[in-house]
Protein backbone atom coordinates (compact mmCIF):
# COMPACT_ATOMS: atom_id res chain seq x y z
CA MET A 1 16.97 6.47 22.93
CA SER A 2 15.85 9.89 21.67
CA TYR A 3 14.16 10.14 18.27
CA ALA A 4 15.79 13.52 17.77
CA THR A 5 19.34 12.15 17.96
CA ASP A 6 18.89 8.61 16.62
CA VAL A 7 19.65 8.70 12.89
CA SER A 8 19.65 4.96 12.17
CA PRO A 9 17.43 3.80 9.27
CA VAL A 10 13.74 3.11 9.65
CA ILE A 11 11.96 0.56 7.46
CA VAL A 12 8.25 1.09 6.86
CA ASP A 13 5.42 -0.72 5.12
CA ILE A 14 1.79 0.37 4.82
CA GLU A 15 -1.48 -1.23 3.77
CA THR A 16 -4.39 0.69 2.31
CA ALA A 17 -8.10 0.31 1.60
CA PRO A 18 -10.65 2.56 -0.09
CA LEU A 19 -12.07 5.47 1.86
CA VAL A 20 -15.38 4.52 3.45
CA ASN A 21 -17.04 7.29 1.41
CA VAL A 22 -14.84 7.01 -1.66
CA ARG A 23 -17.86 7.10 -3.98
CA ASP A 24 -18.39 10.73 -2.93
CA TYR A 25 -15.19 11.61 -4.79
CA ILE A 26 -15.51 9.43 -7.90
CA GLU A 27 -17.60 10.63 -10.81
CA PRO A 28 -20.26 7.99 -11.52
CA PRO A 29 -20.29 6.38 -14.95
CA ASP A 30 -22.29 7.95 -17.75
CA LEU A 31 -25.13 5.58 -18.66
CA ASP A 32 -26.78 7.83 -21.22
CA ASP A 33 -24.35 7.15 -24.04
CA ILE A 34 -25.02 3.41 -24.16
CA SER A 35 -26.67 2.13 -27.31
CA ALA A 36 -27.17 -1.22 -29.00
CA PRO A 37 -25.21 -2.21 -32.13
CA SER A 38 -26.72 -0.99 -35.39
CA ASN A 39 -27.65 -4.52 -36.44
CA TYR A 40 -30.08 -4.83 -33.53
CA LYS A 41 -33.62 -4.27 -34.85
CA ASP A 42 -35.90 -5.88 -32.30
CA GLU A 43 -36.95 -3.33 -29.65
CA ALA A 44 -36.96 -5.89 -26.84
CA LYS A 45 -33.44 -7.04 -27.71
CA ILE A 46 -32.24 -3.45 -27.94
CA ALA A 47 -33.67 -2.67 -24.51
CA ALA A 48 -32.16 -5.84 -23.03
CA TYR A 49 -28.73 -5.04 -24.52
CA ILE A 50 -28.78 -1.51 -23.10
CA GLU A 51 -29.89 -2.73 -19.68
CA ASP A 52 -27.13 -5.38 -19.58
CA ALA A 53 -24.55 -2.78 -20.64
CA LYS A 54 -25.67 -0.44 -17.85
CA VAL A 55 -25.41 -3.19 -15.26
CA LYS A 56 -21.90 -4.06 -16.47
CA ARG A 57 -20.77 -0.44 -16.37
CA LEU A 58 -22.10 0.00 -12.84
CA THR A 59 -20.51 -3.29 -11.77
CA ASP A 60 -17.16 -2.14 -13.16
CA PHE A 61 -17.59 1.15 -11.29
CA ASP A 62 -18.21 -0.67 -8.01
CA ARG A 63 -15.21 -2.92 -8.62
CA ASP A 64 -12.96 0.07 -9.17
CA CYS A 65 -14.27 1.70 -5.99
CA ASP A 66 -13.57 -1.48 -4.03
CA SER A 67 -10.15 -2.32 -5.47
CA LYS A 68 -8.44 0.36 -7.56
CA ALA A 69 -9.34 3.09 -5.08
CA ALA A 70 -7.16 1.34 -2.49
CA LEU A 71 -4.12 2.32 -4.56
CA ASP A 72 -5.24 5.87 -5.32
CA PHE A 73 -3.56 8.55 -3.19
CA ASN A 74 -6.82 10.52 -3.23
CA GLY A 75 -9.23 7.63 -2.75
CA ALA A 76 -7.50 5.50 -0.14
CA ARG A 77 -6.79 5.50 3.57
CA VAL A 78 -3.98 3.86 5.50
CA VAL A 79 -5.44 0.92 7.41
CA ALA A 80 -2.22 -0.57 8.81
CA MET A 81 1.41 0.42 9.26
CA GLY A 82 4.45 -1.48 10.30
CA TRP A 83 7.89 -0.08 10.91
CA TRP A 84 11.23 -1.28 12.14
CA ARG A 85 14.05 0.59 13.78
CA GLU A 86 17.05 -0.77 15.56
CA GLY A 87 15.86 -3.11 18.27
CA CYS A 88 12.14 -2.61 17.71
CA THR A 89 9.35 -3.60 15.32
CA SER A 90 5.98 -1.86 15.66
CA VAL A 91 2.68 -2.64 13.93
CA ARG A 92 -0.40 -0.41 14.05
CA TYR A 93 -3.82 -1.38 12.69
CA GLN A 94 -7.59 -1.12 13.21
CA PHE A 95 -7.41 2.64 13.67
CA ASP A 96 -10.17 4.56 15.40
CA GLY A 97 -11.31 6.46 12.29
CA ASP A 98 -9.41 9.41 10.83
CA ALA A 99 -8.14 10.43 14.26
CA GLY A 100 -6.46 7.08 14.84
CA GLU A 101 -4.94 7.07 11.37
CA ALA A 102 -3.67 10.63 11.82
CA GLU A 103 -2.15 9.80 15.20
CA THR A 104 -0.30 6.80 13.78
CA ILE A 105 1.05 8.67 10.76
CA SER A 106 2.14 11.54 13.01
CA GLU A 107 3.91 9.08 15.29
CA PHE A 108 5.77 7.69 12.31
CA TRP A 109 6.85 11.12 11.05
CA THR A 110 8.24 11.90 14.50
CA LEU A 111 10.17 8.64 14.51
CA ALA A 112 11.42 9.12 10.94
CA ARG A 113 12.83 12.60 11.51
CA HIS A 114 16.58 12.71 10.76
CA ARG A 115 16.53 9.07 9.59
CA MET A 116 16.92 7.38 6.25
CA ILE A 117 13.52 5.87 5.34
CA VAL A 118 13.67 2.45 3.70
CA GLY A 119 10.98 0.36 2.04
CA PHE A 120 9.97 -1.65 -1.00
CA ARG A 121 8.39 0.54 -3.70
CA ILE A 122 8.32 3.21 -1.03
CA ARG A 123 9.29 5.99 -3.43
CA GLU A 124 6.33 5.48 -5.74
CA PHE A 125 3.67 4.34 -3.27
CA ASP A 126 4.19 4.31 0.52
CA LEU A 127 5.71 7.77 0.91
CA PRO A 128 3.38 9.59 -1.52
CA MET A 129 0.40 7.90 0.15
CA LEU A 130 1.59 8.89 3.63
CA ILE A 131 2.28 12.46 2.55
CA GLN A 132 -1.09 12.85 0.83
CA ARG A 133 -2.98 11.33 3.76
CA SER A 134 -1.08 13.69 6.06
CA ARG A 135 -2.38 16.61 4.01
CA TYR A 136 -5.98 15.43 4.11
CA LEU A 137 -5.82 14.59 7.81
CA GLY A 138 -4.06 17.79 8.81
CA VAL A 139 -0.98 15.99 10.09
CA GLY A 140 2.28 17.93 10.36
CA ARG A 141 4.38 18.06 7.25
CA TYR A 142 6.86 15.35 6.40
CA ALA A 143 10.30 16.52 7.45
CA ARG A 144 13.03 15.23 5.19
CA GLY A 145 15.66 13.23 7.00
CA ASN A 146 18.68 11.42 5.63
CA GLY A 147 17.03 10.44 2.37
CA VAL A 148 14.95 7.56 1.03
CA THR A 149 16.20 4.14 -0.05
CA ASP A 150 13.84 2.10 -2.20
CA LEU A 151 14.77 -1.57 -2.14
CA TYR A 152 12.81 -2.10 -5.36
CA ASP A 153 15.02 0.41 -7.19
CA LEU A 154 18.16 -1.30 -5.89
CA LEU A 155 16.96 -4.77 -6.85
CA THR A 156 15.74 -3.82 -10.33
CA PHE A 157 18.40 -1.23 -11.22
CA ASN A 158 15.47 0.99 -12.25
CA ASP A 159 14.95 -1.26 -15.28
CA LEU A 160 11.56 -0.49 -16.79
CA ARG A 161 11.30 -3.63 -18.92
CA THR A 162 8.16 -5.73 -18.44
CA ASP A 163 9.41 -9.04 -19.85
CA TRP A 164 11.17 -10.33 -16.74
CA VAL A 165 10.67 -14.02 -15.99
CA VAL A 166 10.92 -13.75 -12.21
CA ARG A 167 8.31 -11.47 -10.66
CA ARG A 168 9.64 -8.27 -9.11
CA THR A 169 7.80 -8.43 -5.79
CA ALA A 170 9.31 -8.30 -2.33
CA LYS A 171 8.33 -11.93 -1.74
CA SER A 172 9.85 -13.06 -5.04
CA PHE A 173 13.15 -11.37 -4.22
CA ALA A 174 13.03 -12.82 -0.71
CA ARG A 175 12.64 -16.34 -2.09
CA ARG A 176 15.47 -15.67 -4.56
CA PHE A 177 17.73 -14.79 -1.61
CA GLY A 178 16.56 -17.79 0.38
CA ILE A 179 14.66 -15.65 2.88
CA PRO A 180 11.70 -17.59 4.36
CA VAL A 181 8.26 -16.43 3.17
CA THR A 182 5.31 -17.83 5.10
CA ASP A 183 2.65 -15.19 4.42
CA ASP A 184 0.34 -15.91 1.47
CA ILE A 185 -1.62 -12.65 1.69
CA GLY A 186 -1.06 -9.94 -0.91
CA GLY A 187 -1.77 -6.23 -0.79
CA LYS A 188 -4.73 -6.73 -3.12
CA ASP A 189 -6.36 -8.88 -0.43
CA ILE A 190 -6.28 -6.18 2.25
CA PRO A 191 -9.47 -4.26 1.34
CA ALA A 192 -11.55 -7.46 1.56
CA LEU A 193 -9.92 -8.46 4.85
CA VAL A 194 -10.61 -5.01 6.29
CA ALA A 195 -14.21 -5.14 5.11
CA ALA A 196 -14.57 -8.55 6.78
CA GLY A 197 -12.96 -7.31 10.00
CA GLU A 198 -10.11 -9.82 9.78
CA TRP A 199 -7.61 -7.48 11.36
CA GLU A 200 -5.33 -10.18 12.76
CA LYS A 201 -4.60 -11.34 9.20
CA VAL A 202 -3.91 -7.75 8.19
CA ALA A 203 -1.50 -7.34 11.11
CA ALA A 204 0.22 -10.64 10.32
CA HIS A 205 0.69 -9.57 6.70
CA VAL A 206 2.21 -6.22 7.65
CA THR A 207 4.51 -7.88 10.16
CA SER A 208 5.65 -10.37 7.52
CA ASP A 209 6.29 -7.63 4.95
CA VAL A 210 8.35 -5.58 7.38
CA GLY A 211 10.41 -8.65 8.28
CA ILE A 212 11.03 -9.42 4.60
CA GLU A 213 12.10 -5.85 3.90
CA VAL A 214 14.46 -5.88 6.87
CA ALA A 215 16.02 -9.09 5.58
CA LEU A 216 16.36 -7.66 2.05
CA ALA A 217 17.89 -4.47 3.43
CA LYS A 218 20.40 -6.62 5.28
CA ARG A 219 21.33 -8.56 2.14
CA LEU A 220 21.76 -5.34 0.18
CA GLY A 221 23.89 -3.70 2.87
CA VAL A 222 21.35 -0.95 3.55
CA ILE A 223 21.37 -1.84 7.25
CA ARG A 224 24.08 -3.60 9.20
CA SER A 225 23.76 -7.37 9.36
CA GLU A 226 24.25 -7.51 13.13
CA VAL A 227 21.38 -5.03 13.56
CA ALA A 228 19.05 -6.90 11.21
CA GLU A 229 19.60 -10.12 13.13
CA LEU A 230 17.73 -8.58 16.07
CA VAL A 231 14.36 -8.96 14.33
CA LEU A 232 14.77 -12.10 12.22
């Protein structure tokens, strides 16, 4: 089947981790403006307070580099991708540096040409991340196809309230629809798994997420039920 003529939807999910050298692009915290409260009079206590405050600020900086950077379009890299098209599910992970990441993203853009791209929170995260990484890696530009369908937008009606009782995650919606969920890994766990070299768990998580999104797309009528059955 030719990518150029096949216009059926493609469902994609990505996982990210901080750039290996992310600290090169993050301004370090200012430690010179730290002072003890005015009621501190003892010089030793003042020095101890300032030292503790510096340690805490540096610890917070390291935490942000290790966790928040994974969700920053300019501080993260794609460490795994999974996509589904009619009759086929593909998962890519443990890339060989920037070249491997670039090759995988390029492969996806070729596949996605002329297709509707579907995902969960894809409009606000997956696609912007893929586009920005493409820019940094020198990968060919994203060619718009038949539009983007964000399952999150469909399931939440773009409601911006924050007082919902049921969580608005892909897994929560899957459980609500009676779709089996067996993966207990979350996106926030991926950076630590990558750092530990536990790539099989990363791959299993991506595979699970793609399967859940296919099932949700089926329930919402985004893809035909008889097509979705091929991967469930």
